Amino acid sequence: MIKAKTGGSLTMTPMPGDLPRWYYGNPPLALGDANVLNIADLFERNYATWENSRIQRQIDGKPDIVVLQFGENMVPGDMEKFTVALKKLVADLKTSSNPHIFMPSYILGANAGVDEIKRKICAEDPSHRVFVDLSGVSKDASNMGAYGHPNDKGMETIADTLFKAMLTHSTAPSSAQ
């Protein structure tokens, strides 16, 4: 879609598929040059102990566009710690390359608390951070597949919504870099 609609290209390098589940206190995972990370173990289940060093190589890669989609796998906990961790992450991204950051809402149902934090952090730098509302995806039964996850139609809806936000916001003139 990116190549067809923009003429640009995107290299997607996922994390190695054979990595074990990771928890705080374990040795760091060997993420290599991956730019697609399964953030469930790295952030969602371990935000209370977040350290940007877990993904420093990715931050140092100076990305132009970053999608931070999480929430569905979060463990219940202290939302102040979640806020601090997320602010730390976006601050290091800003320092590294000041990318356009897109933070989708909770997709599977609702998590108003997490979404409100994402909205507030995006509002702190609206020229480079965008909250993308995807809450409607799971409300349409035709978007949902096995185990309450989006099916191909739901994934296409997610991709179309994110792509539209990216085209709108990452190509708009920026007031201050």
N, C-alpha and C. Protein backbone atom coordinates (compact mmCIF):
# COMPACT_ATOMS: atom_id res chain seq x y z
N MET A 1 0.83 -1.19 0.00
CA MET A 1 0.00 0.00 0.00
C MET A 1 0.88 1.25 0.00
N ILE A 2 1.95 1.23 0.79
CA ILE A 2 2.82 2.40 0.85
C ILE A 2 3.45 2.66 -0.50
N LYS A 3 3.98 1.61 -1.13
CA LYS A 3 4.61 1.80 -2.43
C LYS A 3 3.59 2.22 -3.48
N ALA A 4 2.44 1.58 -3.49
CA ALA A 4 1.42 1.88 -4.49
C ALA A 4 0.87 3.30 -4.36
N LYS A 5 0.69 3.78 -3.15
CA LYS A 5 0.06 5.08 -2.96
C LYS A 5 1.03 6.24 -2.86
N THR A 6 2.30 5.96 -2.51
CA THR A 6 3.24 7.07 -2.31
C THR A 6 4.48 6.98 -3.19
N GLY A 7 4.75 5.80 -3.73
CA GLY A 7 5.98 5.61 -4.48
C GLY A 7 7.16 5.34 -3.55
N GLY A 8 6.94 5.43 -2.26
CA GLY A 8 7.98 5.18 -1.27
C GLY A 8 8.07 3.70 -0.95
N SER A 9 8.98 3.39 -0.07
CA SER A 9 9.13 1.99 0.31
C SER A 9 9.30 1.91 1.83
N LEU A 10 9.09 0.75 2.34
CA LEU A 10 9.23 0.50 3.77
C LEU A 10 9.88 -0.85 3.94
N THR A 11 10.96 -0.87 4.67
CA THR A 11 11.59 -2.14 5.00
C THR A 11 11.11 -2.54 6.38
N MET A 12 10.50 -3.70 6.47
CA MET A 12 10.01 -4.20 7.76
C MET A 12 10.86 -5.40 8.15
N THR A 13 11.52 -5.27 9.28
CA THR A 13 12.38 -6.32 9.79
C THR A 13 11.84 -6.76 11.14
N PRO A 14 11.12 -7.88 11.19
CA PRO A 14 10.56 -8.32 12.47
C PRO A 14 11.63 -8.89 13.39
N MET A 15 11.27 -8.96 14.68
CA MET A 15 12.15 -9.60 15.67
C MET A 15 12.30 -11.07 15.28
N PRO A 16 13.41 -11.69 15.66
CA PRO A 16 13.53 -13.13 15.43
C PRO A 16 12.35 -13.86 16.06
N GLY A 17 11.78 -14.81 15.35
CA GLY A 17 10.59 -15.50 15.81
C GLY A 17 10.80 -16.50 16.92
N ASP A 18 12.04 -16.86 17.19
CA ASP A 18 12.28 -17.91 18.18
C ASP A 18 12.69 -17.36 19.54
N LEU A 19 12.48 -16.07 19.78
CA LEU A 19 12.85 -15.50 21.06
C LEU A 19 11.89 -15.96 22.16
N PRO A 20 12.42 -16.20 23.35
CA PRO A 20 11.54 -16.60 24.45
C PRO A 20 10.76 -15.40 24.98
N ARG A 21 9.73 -15.67 25.77
CA ARG A 21 9.05 -14.59 26.46
C ARG A 21 10.06 -13.89 27.34
N TRP A 22 9.90 -12.59 27.52
CA TRP A 22 10.88 -11.83 28.29
C TRP A 22 10.21 -11.13 29.46
N TYR A 23 10.87 -11.14 30.58
CA TYR A 23 10.40 -10.42 31.76
C TYR A 23 11.56 -9.65 32.37
N TYR A 24 11.21 -8.57 33.05
CA TYR A 24 12.21 -7.74 33.70
C TYR A 24 13.12 -8.61 34.57
N GLY A 25 14.40 -8.36 34.47
CA GLY A 25 15.37 -9.14 35.24
C GLY A 25 16.05 -10.20 34.40
N ASN A 26 15.43 -10.60 33.30
CA ASN A 26 16.05 -11.57 32.39
C ASN A 26 17.12 -10.85 31.56
N PRO A 27 18.03 -11.60 30.95
CA PRO A 27 18.99 -10.96 30.05
C PRO A 27 18.25 -10.29 28.90
N PRO A 28 18.80 -9.20 28.36
CA PRO A 28 18.13 -8.51 27.24
C PRO A 28 17.93 -9.44 26.05
N LEU A 29 16.86 -9.23 25.31
CA LEU A 29 16.62 -10.01 24.10
C LEU A 29 17.53 -9.50 22.98
N ALA A 30 17.92 -10.39 22.09
CA ALA A 30 18.74 -10.02 20.94
C ALA A 30 17.81 -9.59 19.81
N LEU A 31 17.46 -8.31 19.79
CA LEU A 31 16.50 -7.81 18.81
C LEU A 31 17.14 -7.47 17.48
N GLY A 32 18.46 -7.36 17.44
CA GLY A 32 19.15 -7.04 16.21
C GLY A 32 18.65 -5.74 15.61
N ASP A 33 18.50 -5.72 14.30
CA ASP A 33 18.04 -4.53 13.60
C ASP A 33 16.53 -4.53 13.38
N ALA A 34 15.81 -5.32 14.13
CA ALA A 34 14.36 -5.39 13.96
C ALA A 34 13.74 -4.01 14.11
N ASN A 35 12.79 -3.70 13.22
CA ASN A 35 12.04 -2.45 13.37
C ASN A 35 10.55 -2.74 13.56
N VAL A 36 10.21 -3.99 13.69
CA VAL A 36 8.87 -4.42 14.05
C VAL A 36 9.04 -5.26 15.31
N LEU A 37 8.59 -4.71 16.44
CA LEU A 37 8.82 -5.38 17.72
C LEU A 37 7.50 -5.83 18.33
N ASN A 38 7.52 -7.00 18.95
CA ASN A 38 6.38 -7.44 19.73
C ASN A 38 6.54 -6.78 21.09
N ILE A 39 5.79 -5.74 21.29
CA ILE A 39 5.95 -4.89 22.46
C ILE A 39 5.27 -5.46 23.70
N ALA A 40 4.55 -6.56 23.55
CA ALA A 40 3.81 -7.13 24.68
C ALA A 40 4.73 -7.40 25.87
N ASP A 41 5.79 -8.16 25.65
CA ASP A 41 6.70 -8.46 26.76
C ASP A 41 7.63 -7.29 27.06
N LEU A 42 8.10 -6.60 26.04
CA LEU A 42 9.06 -5.52 26.25
C LEU A 42 8.45 -4.34 27.02
N PHE A 43 7.20 -3.99 26.72
CA PHE A 43 6.60 -2.79 27.31
C PHE A 43 5.31 -3.08 28.07
N GLU A 44 4.34 -3.70 27.41
CA GLU A 44 3.00 -3.85 28.00
C GLU A 44 3.01 -4.57 29.34
N ARG A 45 3.75 -5.64 29.45
CA ARG A 45 3.76 -6.42 30.69
C ARG A 45 4.86 -5.96 31.65
N ASN A 46 5.70 -5.04 31.20
CA ASN A 46 6.85 -4.62 31.99
C ASN A 46 7.03 -3.10 32.02
N TYR A 47 5.95 -2.34 31.81
CA TYR A 47 6.07 -0.87 31.79
C TYR A 47 6.50 -0.30 33.13
N ALA A 48 6.18 -0.98 34.22
CA ALA A 48 6.55 -0.46 35.55
C ALA A 48 8.06 -0.42 35.75
N THR A 49 8.79 -1.17 34.94
CA THR A 49 10.24 -1.21 35.05
C THR A 49 10.89 -0.78 33.73
N TRP A 50 10.18 0.00 32.94
CA TRP A 50 10.64 0.35 31.59
C TRP A 50 11.98 1.06 31.60
N GLU A 51 12.83 0.65 30.67
CA GLU A 51 14.11 1.29 30.38
C GLU A 51 14.23 1.35 28.86
N ASN A 52 14.47 2.53 28.32
CA ASN A 52 14.60 2.65 26.86
C ASN A 52 15.75 1.82 26.31
N SER A 53 16.69 1.46 27.15
CA SER A 53 17.83 0.65 26.69
C SER A 53 17.36 -0.67 26.09
N ARG A 54 16.15 -1.13 26.44
CA ARG A 54 15.62 -2.39 25.88
C ARG A 54 15.50 -2.32 24.36
N ILE A 55 15.28 -1.11 23.85
CA ILE A 55 15.15 -0.95 22.40
C ILE A 55 16.05 0.18 21.89
N GLN A 56 17.19 0.38 22.56
CA GLN A 56 18.08 1.49 22.20
C GLN A 56 18.54 1.42 20.75
N ARG A 57 18.82 0.23 20.27
CA ARG A 57 19.28 0.09 18.88
C ARG A 57 18.21 0.59 17.91
N GLN A 58 16.94 0.32 18.22
CA GLN A 58 15.85 0.78 17.37
C GLN A 58 15.70 2.31 17.46
N ILE A 59 15.82 2.85 18.65
CA ILE A 59 15.76 4.31 18.82
C ILE A 59 16.92 4.96 18.07
N ASP A 60 18.10 4.38 18.19
CA ASP A 60 19.28 4.92 17.52
C ASP A 60 19.19 4.80 16.00
N GLY A 61 18.25 3.99 15.50
CA GLY A 61 18.05 3.86 14.06
C GLY A 61 17.43 5.09 13.43
N LYS A 62 17.06 6.07 14.26
CA LYS A 62 16.51 7.35 13.82
C LYS A 62 15.33 7.19 12.85
N PRO A 63 14.26 6.55 13.32
CA PRO A 63 13.11 6.34 12.44
C PRO A 63 12.42 7.65 12.08
N ASP A 64 11.76 7.64 10.93
CA ASP A 64 10.96 8.79 10.48
C ASP A 64 9.53 8.69 11.01
N ILE A 65 9.02 7.47 11.05
CA ILE A 65 7.65 7.21 11.49
C ILE A 65 7.68 6.04 12.48
N VAL A 66 6.93 6.20 13.58
CA VAL A 66 6.85 5.16 14.60
C VAL A 66 5.38 4.93 14.93
N VAL A 67 4.97 3.68 14.99
CA VAL A 67 3.63 3.32 15.45
C VAL A 67 3.81 2.61 16.79
N LEU A 68 3.20 3.18 17.82
CA LEU A 68 3.24 2.57 19.16
C LEU A 68 1.85 2.05 19.46
N GLN A 69 1.60 0.79 19.12
CA GLN A 69 0.29 0.18 19.35
C GLN A 69 0.42 -0.82 20.48
N PHE A 70 -0.25 -0.53 21.57
CA PHE A 70 -0.25 -1.44 22.70
C PHE A 70 -1.44 -1.14 23.57
N GLY A 71 -1.68 -2.03 24.49
CA GLY A 71 -2.79 -1.87 25.42
C GLY A 71 -3.49 -3.19 25.69
N GLU A 72 -3.71 -3.97 24.64
CA GLU A 72 -4.47 -5.20 24.78
C GLU A 72 -3.80 -6.21 25.72
N ASN A 73 -2.49 -6.21 25.79
CA ASN A 73 -1.78 -7.18 26.61
C ASN A 73 -1.23 -6.59 27.91
N MET A 74 -1.65 -5.39 28.23
CA MET A 74 -1.13 -4.75 29.44
C MET A 74 -1.62 -5.46 30.70
N VAL A 75 -0.73 -5.53 31.65
CA VAL A 75 -1.11 -6.04 32.96
C VAL A 75 -1.69 -4.88 33.76
N PRO A 76 -2.69 -5.16 34.58
CA PRO A 76 -3.22 -4.08 35.41
C PRO A 76 -2.10 -3.55 36.32
N GLY A 77 -2.13 -2.27 36.54
CA GLY A 77 -1.08 -1.72 37.38
C GLY A 77 -1.22 -0.23 37.56
N ASP A 78 -0.16 0.36 37.95
CA ASP A 78 -0.07 1.77 38.28
C ASP A 78 -0.01 2.59 36.98
N MET A 79 -1.06 3.33 36.70
CA MET A 79 -1.10 4.10 35.46
C MET A 79 -0.12 5.27 35.48
N GLU A 80 0.30 5.70 36.64
CA GLU A 80 1.34 6.74 36.71
C GLU A 80 2.66 6.17 36.18
N LYS A 81 2.96 4.92 36.52
CA LYS A 81 4.18 4.29 36.00
C LYS A 81 4.08 4.09 34.49
N PHE A 82 2.89 3.76 34.01
CA PHE A 82 2.69 3.63 32.57
C PHE A 82 2.94 4.98 31.88
N THR A 83 2.40 6.05 32.45
CA THR A 83 2.58 7.38 31.88
C THR A 83 4.05 7.76 31.84
N VAL A 84 4.75 7.53 32.93
CA VAL A 84 6.19 7.86 33.00
C VAL A 84 6.95 7.08 31.94
N ALA A 85 6.67 5.78 31.80
CA ALA A 85 7.36 4.94 30.83
C ALA A 85 7.10 5.41 29.40
N LEU A 86 5.85 5.71 29.09
CA LEU A 86 5.52 6.15 27.74
C LEU A 86 6.14 7.51 27.43
N LYS A 87 6.12 8.41 28.39
CA LYS A 87 6.75 9.72 28.18
C LYS A 87 8.26 9.58 27.97
N LYS A 88 8.88 8.67 28.71
CA LYS A 88 10.32 8.43 28.56
C LYS A 88 10.61 7.91 27.15
N LEU A 89 9.78 6.99 26.67
CA LEU A 89 9.98 6.42 25.35
C LEU A 89 9.84 7.49 24.26
N VAL A 90 8.77 8.28 24.29
CA VAL A 90 8.59 9.28 23.23
C VAL A 90 9.63 10.40 23.33
N ALA A 91 10.11 10.71 24.54
CA ALA A 91 11.14 11.73 24.69
C ALA A 91 12.44 11.28 24.03
N ASP A 92 12.82 10.01 24.22
CA ASP A 92 14.05 9.52 23.58
C ASP A 92 13.89 9.44 22.06
N LEU A 93 12.71 9.08 21.60
CA LEU A 93 12.47 9.08 20.15
C LEU A 93 12.61 10.50 19.60
N LYS A 94 12.04 11.47 20.30
CA LYS A 94 12.12 12.87 19.87
C LYS A 94 13.57 13.33 19.80
N THR A 95 14.35 13.00 20.83
CA THR A 95 15.76 13.38 20.87
C THR A 95 16.54 12.72 19.74
N SER A 96 16.22 11.48 19.44
CA SER A 96 16.95 10.73 18.43
C SER A 96 16.69 11.25 17.02
N SER A 97 15.41 11.37 16.66
CA SER A 97 15.10 11.74 15.27
C SER A 97 13.81 12.54 15.11
N ASN A 98 13.11 12.80 16.20
CA ASN A 98 11.85 13.54 16.17
C ASN A 98 10.89 12.99 15.10
N PRO A 99 10.62 11.68 15.16
CA PRO A 99 9.74 11.08 14.15
C PRO A 99 8.28 11.46 14.36
N HIS A 100 7.48 11.19 13.35
CA HIS A 100 6.03 11.27 13.51
C HIS A 100 5.63 9.99 14.24
N ILE A 101 4.97 10.15 15.39
CA ILE A 101 4.58 9.02 16.20
C ILE A 101 3.07 8.87 16.15
N PHE A 102 2.61 7.69 15.82
CA PHE A 102 1.18 7.38 15.75
C PHE A 102 0.86 6.38 16.85
N MET A 103 -0.09 6.76 17.73
CA MET A 103 -0.48 5.91 18.84
C MET A 103 -1.93 5.50 18.67
N PRO A 104 -2.18 4.31 18.14
CA PRO A 104 -3.56 3.83 18.01
C PRO A 104 -4.19 3.56 19.37
N SER A 105 -5.50 3.69 19.37
CA SER A 105 -6.27 3.39 20.57
C SER A 105 -6.27 1.89 20.82
N TYR A 106 -6.82 1.55 21.94
CA TYR A 106 -7.10 0.16 22.27
C TYR A 106 -8.02 -0.37 21.18
N ILE A 107 -7.71 -1.51 20.59
CA ILE A 107 -8.48 -2.02 19.46
C ILE A 107 -9.56 -3.00 19.89
N LEU A 108 -9.25 -3.87 20.83
CA LEU A 108 -10.18 -4.94 21.21
C LEU A 108 -11.02 -4.52 22.40
N GLY A 109 -12.08 -3.81 22.14
CA GLY A 109 -12.94 -3.34 23.22
C GLY A 109 -12.56 -1.93 23.61
N ALA A 110 -12.47 -1.68 24.90
CA ALA A 110 -12.17 -0.32 25.36
C ALA A 110 -11.24 -0.36 26.57
N ASN A 111 -10.37 0.60 26.62
CA ASN A 111 -9.51 0.82 27.78
C ASN A 111 -9.33 2.33 27.89
N ALA A 112 -10.37 2.98 28.42
CA ALA A 112 -10.41 4.44 28.44
C ALA A 112 -9.21 5.05 29.16
N GLY A 113 -8.74 4.44 30.23
CA GLY A 113 -7.62 4.99 30.98
C GLY A 113 -6.34 5.05 30.16
N VAL A 114 -6.01 3.95 29.49
CA VAL A 114 -4.81 3.89 28.67
C VAL A 114 -4.95 4.84 27.48
N ASP A 115 -6.12 4.84 26.84
CA ASP A 115 -6.32 5.73 25.69
C ASP A 115 -6.23 7.20 26.09
N GLU A 116 -6.71 7.56 27.27
CA GLU A 116 -6.63 8.95 27.71
C GLU A 116 -5.18 9.37 27.91
N ILE A 117 -4.37 8.49 28.45
CA ILE A 117 -2.95 8.79 28.62
C ILE A 117 -2.29 8.98 27.26
N LYS A 118 -2.60 8.09 26.31
CA LYS A 118 -2.04 8.23 24.96
C LYS A 118 -2.46 9.56 24.34
N ARG A 119 -3.75 9.92 24.48
CA ARG A 119 -4.25 11.19 23.93
C ARG A 119 -3.48 12.38 24.50
N LYS A 120 -3.29 12.37 25.82
CA LYS A 120 -2.61 13.50 26.48
C LYS A 120 -1.16 13.61 26.02
N ILE A 121 -0.48 12.48 25.91
CA ILE A 121 0.92 12.51 25.48
C ILE A 121 1.02 12.97 24.02
N CYS A 122 0.08 12.56 23.20
CA CYS A 122 0.06 13.03 21.81
C CYS A 122 -0.20 14.53 21.75
N ALA A 123 -1.09 15.02 22.61
CA ALA A 123 -1.44 16.44 22.61
C ALA A 123 -0.27 17.32 23.03
N GLU A 124 0.73 16.77 23.70
CA GLU A 124 1.89 17.55 24.11
C GLU A 124 2.75 17.97 22.92
N ASP A 125 2.64 17.27 21.80
CA ASP A 125 3.43 17.58 20.60
C ASP A 125 2.61 17.21 19.36
N PRO A 126 1.52 17.94 19.12
CA PRO A 126 0.59 17.55 18.04
C PRO A 126 1.19 17.60 16.63
N SER A 127 2.30 18.28 16.44
CA SER A 127 2.90 18.29 15.10
C SER A 127 3.66 17.00 14.82
N HIS A 128 3.96 16.21 15.87
CA HIS A 128 4.70 14.96 15.67
C HIS A 128 4.07 13.75 16.32
N ARG A 129 2.96 13.93 17.05
CA ARG A 129 2.30 12.79 17.71
C ARG A 129 0.81 12.82 17.40
N VAL A 130 0.29 11.67 17.02
CA VAL A 130 -1.11 11.57 16.63
C VAL A 130 -1.75 10.37 17.30
N PHE A 131 -2.85 10.61 17.98
CA PHE A 131 -3.67 9.53 18.53
C PHE A 131 -4.60 9.09 17.41
N VAL A 132 -4.63 7.78 17.12
CA VAL A 132 -5.46 7.24 16.04
C VAL A 132 -6.53 6.35 16.67
N ASP A 133 -7.78 6.75 16.52
CA ASP A 133 -8.88 6.01 17.13
C ASP A 133 -9.24 4.79 16.29
N LEU A 134 -8.97 3.62 16.83
CA LEU A 134 -9.30 2.35 16.17
C LEU A 134 -10.36 1.58 16.96
N SER A 135 -10.99 2.24 17.91
CA SER A 135 -11.94 1.56 18.79
C SER A 135 -13.14 0.98 18.04
N GLY A 136 -13.45 1.50 16.87
CA GLY A 136 -14.58 1.00 16.11
C GLY A 136 -14.34 -0.34 15.43
N VAL A 137 -13.09 -0.75 15.32
CA VAL A 137 -12.77 -2.00 14.62
C VAL A 137 -13.50 -3.17 15.26
N SER A 138 -13.41 -3.33 16.56
CA SER A 138 -14.00 -4.49 17.21
C SER A 138 -15.52 -4.37 17.36
N LYS A 139 -16.06 -3.18 17.16
CA LYS A 139 -17.52 -2.99 17.25
C LYS A 139 -18.25 -3.56 16.04
N ASP A 140 -17.51 -3.74 14.94
CA ASP A 140 -18.08 -4.32 13.72
C ASP A 140 -17.71 -5.80 13.70
N ALA A 141 -18.69 -6.66 13.93
CA ALA A 141 -18.45 -8.11 14.03
C ALA A 141 -17.78 -8.67 12.77
N SER A 142 -18.02 -8.04 11.61
CA SER A 142 -17.42 -8.55 10.38
C SER A 142 -15.91 -8.32 10.35
N ASN A 143 -15.38 -7.53 11.26
CA ASN A 143 -13.93 -7.29 11.35
C ASN A 143 -13.22 -8.29 12.25
N MET A 144 -14.00 -9.10 12.95
CA MET A 144 -13.40 -9.94 13.99
C MET A 144 -13.33 -11.41 13.57
N GLY A 145 -12.23 -12.05 13.99
CA GLY A 145 -12.02 -13.45 13.66
C GLY A 145 -11.88 -14.29 14.91
N ALA A 146 -11.01 -15.27 14.82
CA ALA A 146 -10.81 -16.23 15.91
C ALA A 146 -10.21 -15.58 17.15
N TYR A 147 -10.64 -16.05 18.29
CA TYR A 147 -10.10 -15.63 19.59
C TYR A 147 -10.24 -14.13 19.84
N GLY A 148 -11.23 -13.51 19.23
CA GLY A 148 -11.47 -12.08 19.46
C GLY A 148 -10.44 -11.17 18.82
N HIS A 149 -9.68 -11.67 17.86
CA HIS A 149 -8.69 -10.86 17.17
C HIS A 149 -9.25 -10.41 15.81
N PRO A 150 -8.75 -9.30 15.29
CA PRO A 150 -9.21 -8.87 13.97
C PRO A 150 -8.88 -9.91 12.90
N ASN A 151 -9.82 -10.09 11.98
CA ASN A 151 -9.59 -10.97 10.83
C ASN A 151 -8.94 -10.13 9.72
N ASP A 152 -8.86 -10.68 8.51
CA ASP A 152 -8.22 -9.94 7.42
C ASP A 152 -8.93 -8.62 7.15
N LYS A 153 -10.25 -8.60 7.18
CA LYS A 153 -11.00 -7.36 6.96
C LYS A 153 -10.70 -6.36 8.07
N GLY A 154 -10.65 -6.83 9.30
CA GLY A 154 -10.33 -5.95 10.42
C GLY A 154 -8.92 -5.40 10.32
N MET A 155 -7.98 -6.24 9.93
CA MET A 155 -6.60 -5.79 9.76
C MET A 155 -6.49 -4.77 8.63
N GLU A 156 -7.27 -4.97 7.58
CA GLU A 156 -7.27 -4.00 6.48
C GLU A 156 -7.85 -2.67 6.96
N THR A 157 -8.88 -2.71 7.78
CA THR A 157 -9.46 -1.49 8.34
C THR A 157 -8.43 -0.76 9.20
N ILE A 158 -7.70 -1.51 10.01
CA ILE A 158 -6.65 -0.93 10.84
C ILE A 158 -5.57 -0.29 9.95
N ALA A 159 -5.10 -1.02 8.96
CA ALA A 159 -4.06 -0.51 8.06
C ALA A 159 -4.53 0.74 7.32
N ASP A 160 -5.76 0.72 6.80
CA ASP A 160 -6.28 1.88 6.08
C ASP A 160 -6.37 3.11 6.98
N THR A 161 -6.84 2.91 8.21
CA THR A 161 -7.00 4.02 9.15
C THR A 161 -5.64 4.60 9.52
N LEU A 162 -4.67 3.73 9.82
CA LEU A 162 -3.33 4.21 10.15
C LEU A 162 -2.68 4.91 8.96
N PHE A 163 -2.83 4.33 7.77
CA PHE A 163 -2.22 4.92 6.59
C PHE A 163 -2.79 6.30 6.31
N LYS A 164 -4.09 6.44 6.47
CA LYS A 164 -4.72 7.75 6.26
C LYS A 164 -4.17 8.77 7.26
N ALA A 165 -4.03 8.36 8.51
CA ALA A 165 -3.46 9.27 9.52
C ALA A 165 -2.02 9.64 9.17
N MET A 166 -1.26 8.66 8.70
CA MET A 166 0.13 8.93 8.32
C MET A 166 0.21 9.90 7.16
N LEU A 167 -0.61 9.69 6.14
CA LEU A 167 -0.60 10.61 4.99
C LEU A 167 -0.99 12.02 5.41
N THR A 168 -1.98 12.11 6.26
CA THR A 168 -2.47 13.42 6.71
C THR A 168 -1.44 14.15 7.56
N HIS A 169 -0.86 13.45 8.50
CA HIS A 169 -0.02 14.12 9.51
C HIS A 169 1.46 14.13 9.20
N SER A 170 1.99 13.14 8.53
CA SER A 170 3.42 13.14 8.30
C SER A 170 3.79 13.95 7.06
N THR A 171 2.82 14.32 6.26
CA THR A 171 3.12 15.15 5.09
C THR A 171 2.70 16.61 5.31
N ALA A 172 1.99 16.87 6.42
CA ALA A 172 1.58 18.24 6.72
C ALA A 172 2.79 19.05 7.13
N PRO A 173 2.83 20.34 6.76
CA PRO A 173 3.97 21.16 7.18
C PRO A 173 4.05 21.22 8.70
N SER A 174 5.23 21.12 9.21
CA SER A 174 5.47 21.14 10.66
C SER A 174 5.79 22.56 11.08
N SER A 175 5.24 22.98 12.22
CA SER A 175 5.49 24.34 12.69
C SER A 175 6.90 24.49 13.25
N ALA A 176 7.32 23.57 14.09
CA ALA A 176 8.65 23.67 14.69
C ALA A 176 9.23 22.27 14.83
N GLN A 177 10.43 22.10 14.42
CA GLN A 177 11.08 20.80 14.53
C GLN A 177 11.88 20.76 15.73
